[in-house]
Protein backbone atom coordinates (compact mmCIF):
# COMPACT_ATOMS: atom_id res chain seq x y z
CA MET A 1 -8.91 -11.69 1.36
CA LYS A 2 -8.01 -8.04 1.06
CA ALA A 3 -9.89 -4.87 1.99
CA MET A 4 -9.01 -1.19 1.78
CA ILE A 5 -10.22 1.27 4.39
CA LEU A 6 -10.49 4.76 2.93
CA ALA A 7 -9.29 7.07 5.71
CA ALA A 8 -7.65 10.04 3.99
CA GLY A 9 -10.43 12.61 4.23
CA ARG A 10 -9.84 15.87 6.08
CA GLY A 11 -13.27 15.91 7.73
CA GLU A 12 -13.94 19.61 7.25
CA ARG A 13 -17.53 19.38 8.51
CA MET A 14 -16.24 17.70 11.67
CA ARG A 15 -14.18 20.70 12.70
CA PRO A 16 -13.11 21.62 15.32
CA LEU A 17 -12.95 17.92 16.32
CA THR A 18 -10.70 17.12 13.37
CA ASP A 19 -8.33 20.06 13.79
CA HIS A 20 -6.04 17.91 15.91
CA THR A 21 -7.49 14.41 15.52
CA PRO A 22 -7.98 12.63 12.19
CA LYS A 23 -11.63 11.79 11.55
CA PRO A 24 -11.09 7.97 11.61
CA LEU A 25 -9.81 8.24 15.19
CA LEU A 26 -12.86 10.08 16.53
CA THR A 27 -14.42 7.93 19.22
CA VAL A 28 -17.93 6.50 19.16
CA GLY A 29 -19.25 3.77 21.39
CA GLY A 30 -15.96 3.70 23.29
CA LYS A 31 -13.59 3.13 20.38
CA PRO A 32 -12.32 4.97 17.27
CA LEU A 33 -14.46 4.78 14.15
CA ILE A 34 -11.75 2.98 12.21
CA VAL A 35 -11.32 0.31 14.89
CA TRP A 36 -14.95 -0.73 14.44
CA HIS A 37 -14.14 -1.42 10.79
CA VAL A 38 -10.91 -3.28 11.50
CA GLU A 39 -12.71 -5.54 13.97
CA LYS A 40 -15.57 -6.23 11.57
CA LEU A 41 -13.26 -6.94 8.66
CA ALA A 42 -11.14 -9.32 10.72
CA ALA A 43 -14.27 -11.17 11.88
CA ALA A 44 -15.40 -11.55 8.27
CA GLY A 45 -12.05 -13.00 7.18
CA PHE A 46 -10.49 -9.90 5.63
CA THR A 47 -7.07 -10.18 7.24
CA GLU A 48 -5.04 -8.23 4.65
CA LEU A 49 -5.86 -4.53 4.99
CA VAL A 50 -4.71 -1.48 3.06
CA ILE A 51 -5.39 1.86 4.75
CA ASN A 52 -4.74 5.22 3.13
CA HIS A 53 -4.34 8.46 5.01
CA ALA A 54 -3.35 12.08 4.52
CA TRP A 55 -4.45 14.54 7.22
CA LEU A 56 -2.69 13.66 10.52
CA GLY A 57 -2.13 10.17 9.18
CA ALA A 58 0.76 9.45 11.51
CA GLN A 59 -1.75 9.36 14.37
CA ILE A 60 -3.73 6.63 12.60
CA GLU A 61 -0.59 4.57 12.05
CA ALA A 62 0.40 4.99 15.69
CA ALA A 63 -3.05 3.83 16.83
CA LEU A 64 -3.27 0.74 14.65
CA GLY A 65 0.37 -0.20 14.05
CA ASP A 66 0.77 -3.29 11.90
CA GLY A 67 -2.71 -4.56 12.79
CA SER A 68 -1.50 -7.58 14.74
CA ALA A 69 -3.56 -6.57 17.78
CA TRP A 70 -6.66 -7.41 15.72
CA GLY A 71 -5.26 -10.40 13.86
CA VAL A 72 -4.79 -8.53 10.58
CA ARG A 73 -1.85 -7.19 8.60
CA ILE A 74 -1.97 -3.53 7.57
CA ALA A 75 -0.20 -1.98 4.59
CA TRP A 76 -0.20 1.82 4.70
CA SER A 77 -0.74 4.11 1.72
CA ARG A 78 0.49 7.59 2.62
CA GLU A 79 -0.93 10.43 0.54
CA GLN A 80 0.51 13.93 0.64
CA GLN A 81 -3.01 15.26 0.13
CA ALA A 82 -6.30 13.42 -0.02
CA LEU A 83 -6.83 12.03 -3.53
CA GLU A 84 -10.53 11.13 -3.18
CA THR A 85 -11.74 7.56 -3.52
CA ALA A 86 -10.63 6.50 -7.00
CA GLY A 87 -7.41 8.48 -6.76
CA GLY A 88 -6.65 6.96 -3.36
CA ILE A 89 -7.23 3.43 -4.61
CA ALA A 90 -5.07 4.07 -7.68
CA TYR A 91 -2.29 5.43 -5.47
CA ALA A 92 -2.38 2.21 -3.42
CA ARG A 93 -2.66 0.00 -6.50
CA THR A 94 0.68 -1.78 -6.03
CA VAL A 95 -0.20 -2.97 -2.52
CA ILE A 96 -3.78 -3.89 -3.39
CA GLY A 97 -2.64 -6.57 -5.80
CA GLU A 98 -4.60 -8.19 -8.63
CA ALA A 99 -7.54 -9.90 -6.90
CA PRO A 100 -10.94 -8.24 -6.41
CA PHE A 101 -11.09 -6.43 -3.07
CA LEU A 102 -13.49 -4.76 -0.66
CA SER A 103 -13.30 -1.01 -0.10
CA VAL A 104 -14.81 0.60 3.00
CA SER A 105 -15.21 4.28 3.86
CA ALA A 106 -13.92 4.93 7.38
CA ASP A 107 -16.64 7.46 8.17
CA ILE A 108 -19.68 5.21 7.84
CA PHE A 109 -21.15 3.06 10.57
CA SER A 110 -23.41 0.10 9.89
CA ASP A 111 -24.64 -3.25 11.14
CA TYR A 112 -23.94 -4.77 7.71
CA ASP A 113 -21.89 -7.95 8.02
CA TYR A 114 -18.98 -7.85 5.57
CA ALA A 115 -19.02 -11.66 5.51
CA GLN A 116 -22.11 -11.35 3.30
CA LEU A 117 -19.84 -10.13 0.51
CA VAL A 118 -17.41 -13.04 0.69
CA PRO A 119 -19.33 -15.40 -1.66
CA ARG A 120 -19.64 -12.67 -4.29
CA LEU A 121 -15.99 -11.73 -3.89
CA LYS A 122 -14.92 -15.34 -4.41
CA ALA A 123 -17.22 -15.61 -7.43
CA MET A 124 -15.58 -12.52 -8.95
CA VAL A 125 -12.20 -14.16 -8.49
CA ALA A 126 -13.36 -17.37 -10.19
CA ASP A 127 -15.39 -15.80 -13.00
CA PRO A 128 -13.92 -12.78 -14.86
CA THR A 129 -17.20 -12.31 -16.76
CA LEU A 130 -19.07 -11.22 -13.63
CA PRO A 131 -19.59 -7.48 -13.06
CA ASP A 132 -16.42 -5.55 -12.25
CA ALA A 133 -18.00 -3.75 -9.28
CA HIS A 134 -20.64 -4.52 -6.67
CA LEU A 135 -22.05 -1.72 -4.53
CA VAL A 136 -24.04 -1.99 -1.33
CA MET A 137 -26.88 0.52 -1.32
CA VAL A 138 -29.09 1.87 1.47
CA PRO A 139 -32.39 3.79 1.61
CA ASN A 140 -31.82 7.48 0.98
CA PRO A 141 -30.85 9.50 4.06
CA PRO A 142 -32.34 12.96 4.64
CA PHE A 143 -29.17 14.70 3.41
CA HIS A 144 -29.32 12.89 0.03
CA PRO A 145 -33.01 12.31 -0.78
CA GLY A 146 -32.48 11.84 -4.51
CA GLY A 147 -30.23 8.81 -4.13
CA ASP A 148 -27.43 7.67 -6.42
CA PHE A 149 -28.44 4.64 -8.48
CA ALA A 150 -31.41 2.37 -9.12
CA LEU A 151 -31.40 -1.42 -8.77
CA THR A 152 -32.75 -3.52 -11.62
CA ALA A 153 -34.62 -6.81 -11.30
CA ASN A 154 -31.51 -8.75 -12.36
CA GLY A 155 -29.33 -7.16 -9.68
CA LEU A 156 -27.51 -4.66 -11.87
CA LEU A 157 -27.27 -0.96 -11.08
CA ALA A 158 -28.94 1.61 -13.33
CA LEU A 159 -28.26 5.32 -13.78
CA GLU A 160 -31.98 6.01 -14.22
CA GLY A 161 -35.07 4.47 -12.69
CA SER A 162 -37.10 4.63 -9.52
CA PRO A 163 -36.55 4.23 -6.71
CA LYS A 164 -32.95 5.26 -6.47
CA TYR A 165 -30.84 4.36 -3.45
CA ASN A 166 -27.83 5.84 -1.69
CA TYR A 167 -24.35 4.30 -1.90
CA ALA A 168 -23.55 2.82 1.52
CA GLY A 169 -19.79 3.38 1.47
CA PHE A 170 -18.61 -0.19 0.91
CA SER A 171 -18.19 -2.08 -2.35
CA LEU A 172 -16.23 -4.68 -4.29
CA HIS A 173 -14.00 -3.81 -7.26
CA ARG A 174 -11.58 -5.41 -9.64
CA PRO A 175 -8.23 -3.62 -9.29
CA ARG A 176 -7.82 -3.30 -13.06
CA LEU A 177 -10.50 -0.61 -13.02
CA PHE A 178 -7.89 1.77 -11.62
CA ASP A 179 -4.96 0.92 -13.89
CA HIS A 180 -5.59 3.92 -16.17
CA ILE A 181 -5.30 6.42 -13.30
CA ALA A 182 -1.84 7.91 -12.84
CA ALA A 183 -0.56 7.72 -9.27
CA GLY A 184 -1.18 11.00 -7.49
CA THR A 185 -4.28 11.89 -9.53
CA LYS A 186 -7.20 13.26 -7.52
CA LEU A 187 -10.33 11.50 -8.75
CA ALA A 188 -13.76 10.57 -7.38
CA MET A 189 -15.42 7.21 -7.98
CA ARG A 190 -18.59 8.51 -9.63
CA PRO A 191 -17.17 8.79 -13.20
CA ILE A 192 -15.90 5.20 -13.03
CA TRP A 193 -19.20 3.90 -11.66
CA ASN A 194 -21.18 5.80 -14.29
CA THR A 195 -19.19 4.14 -17.08
CA LEU A 196 -19.49 0.67 -15.56
CA ILE A 197 -23.21 1.02 -14.95
CA ALA A 198 -23.83 2.25 -18.51
CA GLN A 199 -22.01 -0.86 -19.75
CA GLY A 200 -23.95 -3.23 -17.48
CA ARG A 201 -20.81 -4.09 -15.51
CA ALA A 202 -21.86 -3.03 -11.99
CA SER A 203 -24.19 -4.93 -9.68
CA GLY A 204 -25.69 -3.94 -6.35
CA GLU A 205 -27.70 -4.98 -3.33
CA LEU A 206 -29.87 -3.15 -0.82
CA HIS A 207 -29.12 -3.07 2.90
CA THR A 208 -32.09 -1.97 5.00
CA GLY A 209 -30.50 -2.34 8.44
CA GLY A 210 -28.63 0.16 10.58
CA TRP A 211 -26.50 2.69 8.71
CA ASP A 212 -25.04 6.09 9.57
CA ASN A 213 -22.88 8.53 7.68
CA ILE A 214 -20.73 10.31 10.26
CA GLY A 215 -20.24 13.73 8.73
CA THR A 216 -20.78 16.25 11.56
CA PRO A 217 -20.14 16.47 15.31
CA ALA A 218 -23.90 16.27 15.86
CA GLN A 219 -24.14 12.99 13.92
CA LEU A 220 -21.21 11.58 15.86
CA ALA A 221 -22.80 12.56 19.18
CA GLU A 222 -26.17 11.09 18.20
CA LEU A 223 -24.61 7.75 17.23
CA ASP A 224 -22.61 7.71 20.44
CA ARG A 225 -25.82 8.30 22.39
CA ARG A 226 -27.58 5.42 20.65
CA LEU A 227 -24.66 3.07 21.27
CA ALA A 228 -24.70 3.97 24.94
CA VAL A 229 -28.31 2.78 25.07
CA THR A 230 -27.69 -0.43 23.06
CA PRO A 231 -23.92 -1.14 23.27
CA GLY A 232 -22.50 -2.91 20.24
CA LYS A 233 -25.84 -2.87 18.42
CA ALA A 234 -24.56 -1.18 15.27
CA ASP A 235 -21.44 -2.14 13.36
């Protein structure tokens, strides 16, 4: 199974920490943020990884190499400048392949077990009529109280409705969703999700466990403090 770790962001709000260190290599709980993801993905059976990078990306490649230290194989997607989520996936389209895949943002931290998505991923492979995307949602954090999407009773996402939930930063997609995007285009995911949701082609689930968005030095320090109290508790 294949997963893509989205690691190309500049991390402006993390400055000055990211002036000389790429955000995915910032350390929390004794290891870089991105290593937590690699370990979790490997444990869940995602052994084929695609990782994109832009700002100081050579440092990320030097830290992870080919992935063999974690029992995975890494293909690198090198962007000249960060292309945002949809643009980054489209740029890596040739190495992603044709099967549905998991995408994970490198700057989130959660106790969600990626193995929970394996049955749905396999079902998407077997049944092309299933929704083209599946998003994991979380209760709205203080910095985004309005949420992103609602969940319907039949497990589909809705643009309107209450309550709305926040996108967690990991999701399943069919690669064909990105075939219309020219390589090198800078594009966010929201327009694609909006279209899919309006067409009833995106499902979702709610995760109510541990979840952090690591956007500022203060958030990084707070998570590091919590992990020092309960090592290995999250992610």
